[in-house]
Protein backbone atom coordinates (compact mmCIF):
# COMPACT_ATOMS: atom_id res chain seq x y z
CA MET A 1 0.00 0.00 0.00
CA ALA A 2 2.66 2.49 1.04
CA GLU A 3 4.89 1.40 -1.83
CA SER A 4 2.19 2.00 -4.46
CA ARG A 5 1.41 5.39 -2.91
CA LEU A 6 5.09 6.31 -2.98
CA ARG A 7 5.34 5.18 -6.61
CA SER A 8 2.32 7.29 -7.62
CA MET A 9 3.82 10.30 -5.83
CA GLY A 10 7.06 9.78 -7.74
CA GLU A 11 5.18 9.56 -11.04
CA SER A 12 3.20 12.72 -10.34
CA ILE A 13 6.33 14.59 -9.30
CA SER A 14 8.15 13.52 -12.44
CA ARG A 15 5.13 14.40 -14.63
CA HIS A 16 4.93 17.83 -13.02
CA THR A 17 8.68 18.36 -13.31
CA SER A 18 8.69 17.34 -16.98
CA ARG A 19 5.91 19.83 -17.67
CA GLN A 20 7.94 22.59 -16.04
CA LEU A 21 11.08 21.55 -17.91
CA LYS A 22 9.22 22.40 -21.12
CA PHE A 23 9.49 26.02 -19.97
CA ILE A 24 12.85 25.89 -18.19
CA ILE A 25 15.00 24.28 -20.90
CA PRO A 26 13.97 26.51 -23.84
CA GLY A 27 13.94 29.58 -21.58
CA ALA A 28 17.43 28.83 -20.29
CA ILE A 29 18.77 28.13 -23.78
CA ILE A 30 17.29 31.34 -25.21
CA THR A 31 18.49 33.38 -22.24
CA TYR A 32 21.98 31.93 -22.61
CA ILE A 33 22.18 32.29 -26.40
CA PHE A 34 20.98 35.91 -26.44
CA ASP A 35 22.74 36.70 -23.14
CA THR A 36 19.54 38.45 -22.06
CA HIS A 37 20.36 38.63 -18.37
CA HIS A 38 23.70 40.36 -19.00
CA VAL A 39 22.14 42.76 -21.50
CA VAL A 40 19.48 43.79 -18.96
CA LEU A 41 22.08 44.17 -16.21
CA GLY A 42 24.22 46.22 -18.59
CA LEU A 43 21.31 48.54 -19.32
CA LEU A 44 20.73 48.98 -15.59
CA SER A 45 24.34 49.66 -14.67
CA HIS A 46 25.68 51.86 -17.50
CA SER A 47 24.88 55.50 -18.07
CA GLU A 48 24.95 54.95 -21.83
CA PRO A 49 24.19 51.57 -23.37
CA SER A 50 27.58 50.39 -24.58
CA ASN A 51 26.36 47.47 -26.63
CA LEU A 52 24.38 49.48 -29.17
CA ALA A 53 24.91 49.30 -32.88
CA ARG A 54 23.22 52.67 -33.39
CA PRO A 55 23.11 55.90 -31.34
CA VAL A 56 20.22 56.24 -28.94
CA HIS A 57 19.95 60.00 -28.61
CA PRO A 58 20.46 62.88 -31.01
CA PRO A 59 24.00 64.30 -30.79
CA TYR A 60 22.87 67.39 -28.88
CA LEU A 61 21.62 65.16 -26.04
CA MET A 62 24.79 63.08 -25.75
CA SER A 63 26.76 63.37 -22.56
CA SER A 64 28.97 61.12 -20.52
CA SER A 65 26.61 60.73 -17.57
CA CYS A 66 22.95 60.25 -16.78
CA VAL A 67 22.41 63.65 -15.18
CA ASN A 68 19.28 64.57 -17.10
CA SER A 69 16.28 62.27 -16.95
CA ILE A 70 16.21 62.08 -20.75
CA MET A 71 19.68 60.52 -20.68
CA CYS A 72 18.57 57.73 -18.35
CA ILE A 73 15.51 56.62 -20.26
CA HIS A 74 17.08 53.25 -21.10
CA ARG A 75 17.91 52.68 -17.45
CA LEU A 76 14.41 53.75 -16.40
CA PHE A 77 12.78 51.34 -18.87
CA ALA A 78 15.08 48.51 -17.77
CA LEU A 79 14.33 49.27 -14.12
CA LEU A 80 10.57 49.38 -14.77
CA SER A 81 10.66 46.08 -16.64
CA LEU A 82 12.66 44.57 -13.76
CA ALA A 83 10.16 45.96 -11.24
CA LEU A 84 7.23 44.53 -13.19
CA GLY A 85 9.02 41.19 -13.44
CA SER A 86 9.57 41.25 -9.68
CA CYS A 87 5.89 42.08 -9.23
CA VAL A 88 5.00 39.03 -11.36
CA VAL A 89 7.21 36.78 -9.21
CA GLY A 90 5.76 38.26 -6.00
CA LEU A 91 2.18 37.83 -7.17
CA PHE A 92 2.84 34.25 -8.28
CA LEU A 93 4.31 33.48 -4.86
CA TYR A 94 1.37 35.18 -3.17
CA VAL A 95 -1.12 33.09 -5.16
CA LEU A 96 0.88 29.96 -4.33
CA PHE A 97 1.04 30.64 -0.61
CA VAL A 98 -2.41 32.20 0.03
CA PRO A 99 -3.82 28.92 1.39
CA TRP A 100 -1.05 28.68 3.93
CA MET A 101 -1.06 32.38 4.90
CA GLN A 102 -4.82 32.83 5.25
CA GLY A 103 -5.81 29.30 6.20
CA VAL A 104 -8.33 28.95 3.38
CA GLU A 105 -8.40 26.46 0.56
CA LEU A 106 -8.74 28.09 -2.83
CA ASN A 107 -10.22 26.64 -5.98
CA TYR A 108 -7.87 27.91 -8.68
CA ARG A 109 -10.09 26.61 -11.48
CA SER A 110 -12.95 28.94 -10.50
CA TRP A 111 -10.76 31.90 -9.57
CA ARG A 112 -13.46 34.44 -10.41
CA ASP A 113 -15.55 33.21 -7.47
CA SER A 114 -12.74 33.72 -4.96
CA PRO A 115 -12.49 37.19 -3.40
CA VAL A 116 -8.70 36.84 -3.12
CA LEU A 117 -7.95 35.41 -6.56
CA SER A 118 -10.46 37.58 -8.44
CA SER A 119 -8.43 40.64 -7.46
CA VAL A 120 -4.92 39.15 -7.77
CA ILE A 121 -5.23 37.29 -11.10
CA PRO A 122 -6.11 40.39 -13.21
CA VAL A 123 -3.22 42.34 -11.65
CA LEU A 124 -0.92 39.38 -12.28
CA THR A 125 -2.03 39.17 -15.91
CA ALA A 126 -1.56 42.91 -16.45
CA SER A 127 1.89 42.74 -14.81
CA ILE A 128 2.94 39.88 -17.08
CA LEU A 129 1.80 41.68 -20.22
CA ALA A 130 3.24 45.06 -19.23
CA GLY A 131 6.54 43.63 -17.96
CA TRP A 132 7.13 41.41 -20.97
CA SER A 133 6.18 44.19 -23.40
CA LEU A 134 8.39 46.74 -21.67
CA LEU A 135 11.31 44.31 -21.54
CA SER A 136 10.87 43.51 -25.24
CA ILE A 137 10.80 47.20 -26.13
CA THR A 138 13.78 47.96 -23.89
CA LEU A 139 15.87 45.16 -25.36
CA GLY A 140 14.79 46.09 -28.86
CA LYS A 141 15.50 49.80 -28.67
CA TRP A 142 18.51 50.07 -26.38
CA SER A 143 20.48 46.87 -26.88
CA ARG A 144 22.37 45.16 -29.67
CA LEU A 145 19.62 42.53 -29.87
CA GLY A 146 17.11 44.56 -31.87
CA TYR A 147 13.36 44.12 -31.71
CA ILE A 148 13.02 40.53 -32.93
CA GLU A 149 15.85 39.07 -30.86
CA GLY A 150 14.85 41.31 -27.93
CA THR A 151 11.32 39.89 -28.01
CA ILE A 152 12.68 36.35 -28.21
CA GLY A 153 15.10 37.11 -25.35
CA ALA A 154 12.33 38.58 -23.19
CA SER A 155 10.13 35.57 -23.91
CA GLY A 156 12.95 33.21 -22.95
CA LEU A 157 13.57 35.05 -19.71
CA TYR A 158 9.87 34.97 -18.81
CA ALA A 159 9.57 31.27 -19.76
CA LEU A 160 12.55 30.45 -17.55
CA THR A 161 11.03 32.41 -14.68
CA PHE A 162 7.61 30.76 -15.03
CA GLY A 163 9.18 27.31 -15.22
CA LEU A 164 11.27 27.85 -12.11
CA ILE A 165 8.30 29.24 -10.16
CA GLY A 166 6.26 26.23 -11.29
CA LEU A 167 8.77 23.91 -9.63
CA LEU A 168 7.94 25.33 -6.21
CA PRO A 169 5.77 22.91 -4.27
CA THR A 170 2.40 24.26 -3.24
CA PRO A 171 1.77 24.11 0.48
CA LYS A 172 -1.04 21.78 1.43
CA PHE A 173 -3.92 23.08 3.50
CA HIS A 174 -4.75 20.80 6.41
CA ARG A 175 -8.11 21.11 8.10
CA LEU A 176 -8.20 20.72 11.87
């Protein structure tokens, strides 16, 4: 009895893990090939994007530092896309751990009926769309990747993130 239960748990874990690996492996490969994480970190840390093939600003706006807000627009966009990505991760973790934090069991399939999920899921969806779009635009406009490779790189980074979050075990709610 215990052996068959253990075997079924192992099968379900491996099925779940293999489903998440469908996101993790392509996301990791794309992120590695396009070096997306280093490009984003470079946009955040440099006053002028150094990996550009074309100038970002007209010559009269060029300077060596990000003193004016117009000079830091690439950094602002990269920071906003990073903030929205962090919001996505935080909201995913919140949705995962709501049963444990509030002591209520949620039905994720009928999320519109839940007072908690009906407010979190639309914000999560909007954060995903806005963060991915902003990251794609940022990588397309201010990096050497361009718009097509920037969109692919942003998609890979988001797929990797979703796959890794999906590996987290959901806490079980135990009734007393």
